[in-house]
Protein backbone atom coordinates (compact mmCIF):
# COMPACT_ATOMS: atom_id res chain seq x y z
CA MET A 1 125.74 97.53 103.25
CA ALA A 2 124.80 100.69 105.08
CA THR A 3 121.89 100.58 107.47
CA VAL A 4 119.35 103.09 108.71
CA THR A 5 117.63 102.94 112.11
CA ILE A 6 114.18 104.44 112.40
CA ARG A 7 111.77 104.94 115.30
CA GLN A 8 108.01 105.27 115.06
CA THR A 9 106.82 108.47 116.75
CA GLY A 10 103.24 108.73 115.52
CA SER A 11 100.20 106.51 115.69
CA PRO A 12 98.72 104.89 112.57
CA ILE A 13 95.21 105.43 113.95
CA ARG A 14 93.07 107.47 111.52
CA ARG A 15 95.65 107.12 108.74
CA ASN A 16 94.86 105.63 105.36
CA LYS A 17 95.62 102.01 104.47
CA ILE A 18 98.63 102.88 102.33
CA GLN A 19 100.41 104.62 105.21
CA ARG A 20 99.61 101.74 107.58
CA ALA A 21 100.96 99.25 105.04
CA THR A 22 104.10 101.35 104.62
CA LEU A 23 104.70 101.24 108.38
CA ALA A 24 104.22 97.47 108.33
CA GLY A 25 106.72 97.25 105.47
CA LEU A 26 109.19 99.18 107.61
CA LYS A 27 108.61 96.63 110.41
CA LEU A 28 106.92 99.22 112.63
CA ASN A 29 103.46 98.89 114.15
CA ARG A 30 103.53 100.62 117.55
CA VAL A 31 104.70 103.99 118.76
CA GLY A 32 108.24 103.68 120.09
CA ARG A 33 109.25 100.67 118.01
CA VAL A 34 112.70 100.79 116.46
CA ALA A 35 113.74 99.01 113.26
CA THR A 36 117.11 98.72 111.54
CA LEU A 37 116.90 98.26 107.78
CA GLU A 38 119.26 98.38 104.80
CA ASP A 39 119.70 101.89 103.45
CA THR A 40 118.24 101.49 99.96
CA PRO A 41 116.32 103.94 97.77
CA ALA A 42 113.15 101.90 98.32
CA VAL A 43 113.44 102.16 102.10
CA ARG A 44 114.22 105.88 101.86
CA GLY A 45 111.09 106.34 99.75
CA MET A 46 109.00 104.51 102.34
CA ILE A 47 110.43 106.70 105.09
CA ALA A 48 109.60 109.80 103.04
CA LYS A 49 106.02 108.60 102.62
CA VAL A 50 105.45 108.41 106.40
CA HIS A 51 107.99 111.03 107.49
CA HIS A 52 105.42 112.60 109.83
CA MET A 53 105.17 109.36 111.86
CA VAL A 54 108.82 108.26 112.01
CA GLU A 55 112.21 109.69 112.81
CA VAL A 56 115.62 108.56 111.59
CA VAL A 57 117.69 107.72 114.65
CA GLU A 58 120.94 107.03 112.80
CA SER A 59 122.12 106.35 109.28
């Protein structure tokens, strides 16, 4: 399967619980962390939900 690598660029401080939980679901919890996940519609939706705190490094 295809993979997508994402990096957390923003802090979850002062964000609502849903956005924090989404970051945890993406295996991110600190600024600068990098995670490689399968490129599925569910993961893409999670990335879209917190697009202001993450960046896609490579697809």
